[in-house]
Every structure is written in structure tokens, then in C-alpha cells.
Amino acid sequence: MAITKLVSDSLGAGVGGSLVKLINTTTTDATTEFITFDSTYINSTYDNYFITFKVKPVNDDQDIRIQFSTSGTFNTGASDYGVGLATEGTSLNDNDFDKIAINSYTSDGIGNASGEGASGHCYLYNPADANQITAFSSMINFRNFNGFHGMATGGGVRNSAEANDGIRFYWGSGNFASGSSITLYGVNT
């Protein structure tokens, strides 16, 4: 089954479209703190973006996070983001965060031992539209720091409508392990 069909089926009719691979970033050592896609890729060319990832933290028990940039500066204020997240047994919905966490805000951090790490996909909506909020949804499966399966689904928004021109992925603490990979696709609708 083609990835476009999977995107369309998982996100609903009218959201899919043909995907254009824009860039893949794969770490070759353990020194990368941020994996960032800037205005070279996040611009008015596409309304929406699809992202796949296979990542592992250098530090054990971590959550993977994102932030958006405006005019090249990342939004890091205490209430810049609203988030909703459902994990196994817990959920969260709040409008006062400085980031969007993809797997957890409280527990079940992603592990860094052999066989641990995380894989998933995300959808980025309307980043270049100054009149619409930038929104983000994700699904992730991972092995946590105890070697157990974890999963989360959720998303978030930039709390103010503005044109966003970048997204960065990072851990709560530490760097990406060697071999971590994130691929960005533009969505033709």
C-alpha cells in the first residue's frame, strides 16, 4: 500500500494527497540536539506536511518534543502551545505549554537501550497561513525506559495565528542517538 494511501486512510478523506519527499535527516553520531526543518522546506509551497520518524535518545527515559518558528525564531514562551495527548492510561489537554510533547508529559519516557526507541508519524497543518493556527497531530509507538511498549496519539496548536516557517524536534534532555531519522514530505492536495 502506498504511503499516500496510508496517509489518506489514517487522516480521513480530503486530507491526503500526493506526497513529495523534501528531506531526510539521519544522525551519524550522538551530537545532534535538534533536528530542524527551516523555511527552506516549511514555506508557502505546501499547505500541509507529513513527517515520519524513527528516533532514539542518547539519555534514557525521554520525551520527544517539537516547537515552531516564526521569522526564524523558535516560539518557546510558557503559553505558546495548546496540547492534547492520550497515552496508555492517561490523557492531557492544556493550553499553557512551551512545546508540544509527542509521547508524554509525565511518564513512560522513551528508552535508549538496545531494542528501545520510537517510530511514528505526524501531520503538520497550515504552518505558512498567518490567518490560521498552525496545528500538529501525531501517532507514536515506542519502547520505554523499562523495555515495555508505549504508545501515544495527540497533537497541539500554536496558540496564536501567525505564519510559521520551521519546526524542530528535540528531547527533554540530551541528544539524538546515531541512526535517528526524520523525513519531511510536502502534501499536494
Protein backbone atom coordinates (compact mmCIF):
# COMPACT_ATOMS: atom_id res chain seq x y z
CA MET A 1 0.00 0.00 0.00
CA ALA A 2 1.43 3.35 -0.99
CA ILE A 3 2.27 5.84 1.77
CA THR A 4 -0.15 8.36 0.22
CA LYS A 5 -3.00 5.85 0.64
CA LEU A 6 -1.96 5.23 4.26
CA VAL A 7 -1.94 8.96 4.99
CA SER A 8 -5.30 9.47 3.35
CA ASP A 9 -6.85 6.48 5.15
CA SER A 10 -5.48 7.36 8.58
CA LEU A 11 -6.35 11.07 8.47
CA GLY A 12 -9.66 10.96 6.64
CA ALA A 13 -10.96 11.84 3.22
CA GLY A 14 -9.74 15.09 1.77
CA VAL A 15 -6.63 15.31 3.95
CA GLY A 16 -4.39 13.03 1.91
CA GLY A 17 -2.83 13.85 -1.41
CA SER A 18 0.35 13.04 -3.20
CA LEU A 19 3.48 13.29 -1.08
CA VAL A 20 6.69 14.94 -2.20
CA LYS A 21 9.75 13.90 -0.23
CA LEU A 22 11.54 17.11 0.72
CA ILE A 23 14.34 15.96 3.02
CA ASN A 24 15.52 13.17 5.28
CA THR A 25 17.81 13.88 8.21
CA THR A 26 19.62 10.90 9.74
CA THR A 27 22.10 11.37 12.58
CA THR A 28 25.52 9.78 12.21
CA ASP A 29 26.70 10.30 15.78
CA ALA A 30 25.30 11.30 19.18
CA THR A 31 25.95 15.06 18.98
CA THR A 32 22.68 16.29 17.38
CA GLU A 33 20.48 18.20 19.84
CA PHE A 34 17.84 19.44 17.36
CA ILE A 35 16.56 18.08 14.06
CA THR A 36 15.22 21.21 12.36
CA PHE A 37 13.36 21.88 9.13
CA ASP A 38 13.55 25.62 8.39
CA SER A 39 11.97 27.96 5.83
CA THR A 40 13.83 26.18 3.04
CA TYR A 41 11.19 23.45 3.50
CA ILE A 42 8.40 24.95 5.64
CA ASN A 43 7.02 27.73 3.46
CA SER A 44 4.04 28.62 1.29
CA THR A 45 4.80 25.89 -1.28
CA TYR A 46 2.66 23.39 0.67
CA ASP A 47 -0.31 23.93 2.97
CA ASN A 48 0.40 20.71 4.91
CA TYR A 49 3.32 18.38 5.66
CA PHE A 50 3.63 14.71 6.56
CA ILE A 51 6.53 13.57 8.75
CA THR A 52 7.80 10.07 9.54
CA PHE A 53 10.37 9.30 12.19
CA LYS A 54 12.48 6.55 13.76
CA VAL A 55 14.38 8.04 16.71
CA LYS A 56 16.27 7.15 19.86
CA PRO A 57 17.55 9.38 22.66
CA VAL A 58 21.10 9.34 23.96
CA ASN A 59 19.72 9.82 27.51
CA ASP A 60 17.30 7.21 28.86
CA ASP A 61 13.63 7.95 29.76
CA GLN A 62 12.95 10.90 27.42
CA ASP A 63 10.01 12.55 25.70
CA ILE A 64 10.34 13.85 22.15
CA ARG A 65 9.17 17.43 21.66
CA ILE A 66 8.53 19.97 18.91
CA GLN A 67 8.39 23.74 18.58
CA PHE A 68 7.53 26.02 15.64
CA SER A 69 9.44 29.08 14.47
CA THR A 70 8.18 32.46 13.32
CA SER A 71 10.53 34.50 11.13
CA GLY A 72 13.30 32.04 12.01
CA THR A 73 12.90 32.36 15.82
CA PHE A 74 11.51 29.42 17.75
CA ASN A 75 8.48 30.04 19.96
CA THR A 76 9.44 29.00 23.50
CA GLY A 77 7.09 31.02 25.71
CA ALA A 78 5.33 29.37 28.66
CA SER A 79 1.91 29.50 26.95
CA ASP A 80 2.83 29.41 23.25
CA TYR A 81 1.21 25.99 22.66
CA GLY A 82 -2.03 24.17 23.38
CA VAL A 83 -1.77 20.38 23.53
CA GLY A 84 -3.85 17.25 23.79
CA LEU A 85 -2.28 13.84 24.34
CA ALA A 86 -3.65 10.36 25.09
CA THR A 87 -1.27 7.67 26.25
CA GLU A 88 -1.91 4.28 27.82
CA GLY A 89 -3.99 5.14 30.87
CA THR A 90 -3.52 8.93 30.93
CA SER A 91 -4.62 11.96 28.97
CA LEU A 92 -3.86 15.66 28.93
CA ASN A 93 -5.48 18.75 27.46
CA ASP A 94 -3.91 22.12 28.29
CA ASN A 95 -3.21 25.49 26.67
CA ASP A 96 -0.15 26.59 28.62
CA PHE A 97 2.96 24.86 27.33
CA ASP A 98 6.27 25.93 25.85
CA LYS A 99 6.34 22.92 23.50
CA ILE A 100 4.32 20.01 22.15
CA ALA A 101 5.45 16.66 23.54
CA ILE A 102 4.71 13.73 21.25
CA ASN A 103 4.90 10.81 23.68
CA SER A 104 4.43 12.06 27.24
CA TYR A 105 4.42 14.94 29.66
CA THR A 106 4.73 12.90 32.84
CA SER A 107 5.90 9.29 32.43
CA ASP A 108 6.76 6.45 30.06
CA GLY A 109 9.82 8.08 28.60
CA ILE A 110 11.43 6.56 25.51
CA GLY A 111 14.34 4.26 26.30
CA ASN A 112 17.84 4.20 24.86
CA ALA A 113 18.86 0.56 25.46
CA SER A 114 19.22 -1.98 22.66
CA GLY A 115 15.81 -2.51 21.01
CA GLU A 116 14.34 0.66 22.53
CA GLY A 117 13.46 3.90 20.73
CA ALA A 118 10.39 5.22 18.90
CA SER A 119 8.71 5.26 15.49
CA GLY A 120 5.72 7.19 14.27
CA HIS A 121 4.26 9.80 12.01
CA CYS A 122 2.98 13.37 12.28
CA TYR A 123 0.91 15.76 10.22
CA LEU A 124 1.60 19.50 10.18
CA TYR A 125 -1.32 21.73 9.12
CA ASN A 126 -1.29 25.35 7.84
CA PRO A 127 2.17 26.47 9.01
CA ALA A 128 2.52 29.30 6.46
CA ASP A 129 -1.02 30.68 6.85
CA ALA A 130 -0.87 33.83 9.01
CA ASN A 131 -4.68 33.78 9.41
CA GLN A 132 -4.96 30.21 10.70
CA ILE A 133 -3.35 28.46 13.67
CA THR A 134 -0.56 26.02 12.92
CA ALA A 135 -1.73 22.59 14.08
CA PHE A 136 0.09 19.30 14.58
CA SER A 137 -1.12 15.73 15.09
CA SER A 138 0.92 12.61 15.81
CA MET A 139 0.92 8.91 16.49
CA ILE A 140 3.91 7.20 18.11
CA ASN A 141 4.84 3.69 19.23
CA PHE A 142 7.90 3.17 21.38
CA ARG A 143 9.72 1.01 23.89
CA ASN A 144 10.05 2.88 27.14
CA PHE A 145 12.99 3.01 29.54
CA ASN A 146 11.81 -0.27 31.14
CA GLY A 147 11.68 -2.04 27.78
CA PHE A 148 7.87 -2.05 27.63
CA HIS A 149 5.70 -0.96 24.71
CA GLY A 150 4.22 2.51 24.89
CA MET A 151 2.01 4.45 22.53
CA ALA A 152 0.52 7.90 22.32
CA THR A 153 -1.68 9.84 20.00
CA GLY A 154 -2.28 13.53 20.18
CA GLY A 155 -1.38 16.90 18.87
CA GLY A 156 -1.34 20.55 19.52
CA VAL A 157 -1.52 24.04 18.13
CA ARG A 158 0.42 27.26 18.15
CA ASN A 159 -1.83 29.40 20.35
CA SER A 160 -1.67 32.43 18.06
CA ALA A 161 -2.39 32.61 14.35
CA GLU A 162 0.79 33.54 12.51
CA ALA A 163 2.93 32.26 9.67
CA ASN A 164 5.33 29.62 10.97
CA ASP A 165 8.43 28.85 8.94
CA GLY A 166 10.09 26.00 10.77
CA ILE A 167 9.72 23.02 13.05
CA ARG A 168 12.29 21.41 15.31
CA PHE A 169 12.34 18.07 17.10
CA TYR A 170 14.29 17.61 20.32
CA TRP A 171 14.38 15.58 23.54
CA GLY A 172 13.51 16.71 27.06
CA SER A 173 17.20 16.22 27.81
CA GLY A 174 20.16 15.26 25.66
CA ASN A 175 20.75 14.45 22.02
CA PHE A 176 19.56 12.09 19.31
CA ALA A 177 21.36 8.76 19.15
CA SER A 178 23.20 7.83 15.97
CA GLY A 179 20.83 6.47 13.33
CA SER A 180 17.83 8.58 14.36
CA SER A 181 15.94 9.58 11.23
CA ILE A 182 13.17 12.08 10.43
CA THR A 183 11.71 12.55 6.93
CA LEU A 184 9.64 15.54 5.83
CA TYR A 185 7.13 15.36 2.95
CA GLY A 186 5.12 18.14 1.36
CA VAL A 187 1.47 17.22 0.74
CA ASN A 188 -0.06 18.14 -2.62
CA THR A 189 -3.80 18.50 -2.06
